[in-house]
Amino acid sequence: MGFKYPVHNMGITLTEVPSKVAVYIEFNNCHLKCKGCHSPHLHSDYFDGVRIDIKEILSYVNNQIDKGANYIVLMGGDTNGVMPYDLYTLINKLSEIAPVMLYSGSEDTTILTDTNLTLLKTGRYVEELGDILSSTTNQ
């Protein structure tokens, strides 16, 4: 039995990547718990998702790309205990389907050279900089 990812939700978003229709995958158990986070449902205290294997994720994403999505967004995947190998494997498989962006709470950018990631948003959410719709946000 292969690794199963702690997925909270998957869907479509029009706001995470400008001018893109993106398939999003939210991972549970983010340990950062940033003050003012716009996704507190991903914190470990709120775990209510399921564990999904890579085949199920790829199938869902392919289906959404076939319907017109053109980007993939991963949220919470590197701050929740998922081992780098498993995250990198998922990113590289997804990048064969469409460009991939990762929201990362880490300041470490080596994931850009270790994977086929297209876009990386780094660092903890800073409430004073505003929410995702603010022109000053770090998100």
Protein backbone atom coordinates (compact mmCIF):
# COMPACT_ATOMS: atom_id res chain seq x y z
CA MET A 1 0.00 0.00 0.00
CA GLY A 2 1.42 3.39 -1.04
CA PHE A 3 1.54 6.69 0.78
CA LYS A 4 -1.77 8.47 1.28
CA TYR A 5 -1.89 12.27 1.37
CA PRO A 6 -3.91 14.05 4.11
CA VAL A 7 -6.34 15.85 1.80
CA HIS A 8 -8.92 18.20 3.28
CA ASN A 9 -10.56 19.25 0.02
CA MET A 10 -10.07 19.50 -3.74
CA GLY A 11 -11.85 21.83 -6.12
CA ILE A 12 -11.56 24.71 -8.57
CA THR A 13 -10.46 28.27 -7.80
CA LEU A 14 -10.32 31.44 -9.87
CA THR A 15 -8.46 33.53 -7.27
CA GLU A 16 -5.24 31.74 -6.33
CA VAL A 17 -3.33 32.24 -9.61
CA PRO A 18 -4.11 35.43 -11.57
CA SER A 19 -5.85 34.76 -14.91
CA LYS A 20 -5.87 31.01 -14.32
CA VAL A 21 -8.51 28.41 -13.61
CA ALA A 22 -6.77 26.26 -11.03
CA VAL A 23 -7.44 22.88 -9.52
CA TYR A 24 -6.65 23.21 -5.82
CA ILE A 25 -5.68 20.56 -3.33
CA GLU A 26 -5.76 21.49 0.35
CA PHE A 27 -3.72 19.34 2.72
CA ASN A 28 -4.66 18.96 6.38
CA ASN A 29 -2.46 19.31 9.44
CA CYS A 30 -0.60 22.56 8.74
CA HIS A 31 1.48 23.02 11.88
CA LEU A 32 2.21 26.74 11.40
CA LYS A 33 -1.22 28.02 12.50
CA CYS A 34 -0.41 31.58 11.41
CA LYS A 35 -2.44 34.31 13.09
CA GLY A 36 -5.17 35.45 10.70
CA CYS A 37 -4.64 32.53 8.32
CA HIS A 38 -7.31 32.44 5.61
CA SER A 39 -7.35 28.63 5.82
CA PRO A 40 -7.63 27.73 9.52
CA HIS A 41 -9.55 24.61 8.52
CA LEU A 42 -6.17 23.17 7.45
CA HIS A 43 -4.66 23.42 10.94
CA SER A 44 -4.03 20.17 12.76
CA ASP A 45 -6.72 20.92 15.35
CA TYR A 46 -9.31 20.92 12.56
CA PHE A 47 -8.39 17.63 10.85
CA ASP A 48 -11.47 16.32 9.11
CA GLY A 49 -10.16 15.16 5.75
CA VAL A 50 -9.34 11.82 4.25
CA ARG A 51 -6.15 10.14 3.18
CA ILE A 52 -5.96 9.84 -0.61
CA ASP A 53 -3.36 8.04 -2.70
CA ILE A 54 -1.55 9.64 -5.60
CA LYS A 55 -3.62 7.79 -8.23
CA GLU A 56 -6.85 9.29 -6.86
CA ILE A 57 -5.34 12.79 -6.82
CA LEU A 58 -4.01 12.47 -10.38
CA SER A 59 -7.35 11.15 -11.60
CA TYR A 60 -9.25 14.06 -10.03
CA VAL A 61 -6.80 16.63 -11.41
CA ASN A 62 -6.85 15.12 -14.91
CA ASN A 63 -10.64 15.25 -14.87
CA GLN A 64 -10.62 18.95 -13.93
CA ILE A 65 -7.96 19.77 -16.56
CA ASP A 66 -10.11 18.00 -19.16
CA LYS A 67 -12.96 20.32 -18.12
CA GLY A 68 -10.86 23.46 -18.69
CA ALA A 69 -8.67 24.08 -15.64
CA ASN A 70 -5.12 25.10 -16.59
CA TYR A 71 -3.13 25.26 -13.33
CA ILE A 72 -2.72 23.26 -10.13
CA VAL A 73 -2.40 24.77 -6.63
CA LEU A 74 -1.23 22.85 -3.56
CA MET A 75 -1.87 24.35 -0.13
CA GLY A 76 -0.42 23.19 3.18
CA GLY A 77 1.62 20.33 1.76
CA ASP A 78 5.04 21.13 3.15
CA THR A 79 4.20 22.13 6.71
CA ASN A 80 2.15 19.15 7.80
CA GLY A 81 4.55 16.27 8.16
CA VAL A 82 4.33 14.95 4.59
CA MET A 83 7.85 13.78 3.82
CA PRO A 84 9.69 15.68 1.05
CA TYR A 85 9.95 12.56 -1.13
CA ASP A 86 6.15 12.12 -1.12
CA LEU A 87 5.49 15.81 -1.76
CA TYR A 88 8.13 16.01 -4.51
CA THR A 89 6.74 12.87 -6.16
CA LEU A 90 3.27 14.39 -6.22
CA ILE A 91 4.52 17.73 -7.57
CA ASN A 92 6.51 16.06 -10.34
CA LYS A 93 3.59 13.84 -11.38
CA LEU A 94 1.19 16.80 -11.35
CA SER A 95 3.61 18.93 -13.38
CA GLU A 96 3.23 16.43 -16.21
CA ILE A 97 -0.42 17.51 -16.36
CA ALA A 98 -0.25 21.31 -15.85
CA PRO A 99 1.89 23.99 -14.12
CA VAL A 100 1.98 23.58 -10.33
CA MET A 101 2.07 26.23 -7.58
CA LEU A 102 2.74 25.50 -3.90
CA TYR A 103 1.80 27.66 -0.94
CA SER A 104 4.68 27.08 1.47
CA GLY A 105 5.02 28.26 5.03
CA SER A 106 8.74 27.68 4.75
CA GLU A 107 11.32 30.23 3.61
CA ASP A 108 13.34 27.39 2.03
CA THR A 109 13.19 27.60 -1.77
CA THR A 110 15.20 24.47 -2.60
CA ILE A 111 11.94 22.79 -3.59
CA LEU A 112 12.16 24.87 -6.79
CA THR A 113 15.35 23.09 -7.84
CA ASP A 114 14.34 19.69 -6.48
CA THR A 115 11.00 19.50 -8.33
CA ASN A 116 9.22 20.70 -11.48
CA LEU A 117 7.31 23.30 -9.47
CA THR A 118 6.34 26.36 -11.55
CA LEU A 119 5.45 28.85 -8.82
CA LEU A 120 6.22 29.00 -5.09
CA LYS A 121 4.69 31.31 -2.49
CA THR A 122 6.85 31.26 0.63
CA GLY A 123 6.66 32.31 4.24
CA ARG A 124 4.15 32.45 7.02
CA TYR A 125 1.00 34.48 6.47
CA VAL A 126 1.48 38.01 7.86
CA GLU A 127 -1.91 39.35 8.92
CA GLU A 128 -0.79 43.00 8.87
CA LEU A 129 -0.10 42.73 5.12
CA GLY A 130 -3.73 41.88 4.38
CA ASP A 131 -5.66 38.94 3.04
CA ILE A 132 -5.32 37.26 -0.33
CA LEU A 133 -7.18 40.06 -2.11
CA SER A 134 -4.96 42.81 -0.69
CA SER A 135 -2.29 44.33 -2.96
CA THR A 136 0.16 44.25 -0.02
CA THR A 137 -0.35 40.61 1.02
CA ASN A 138 2.53 38.21 1.22
CA GLN A 139 0.14 35.49 0.07
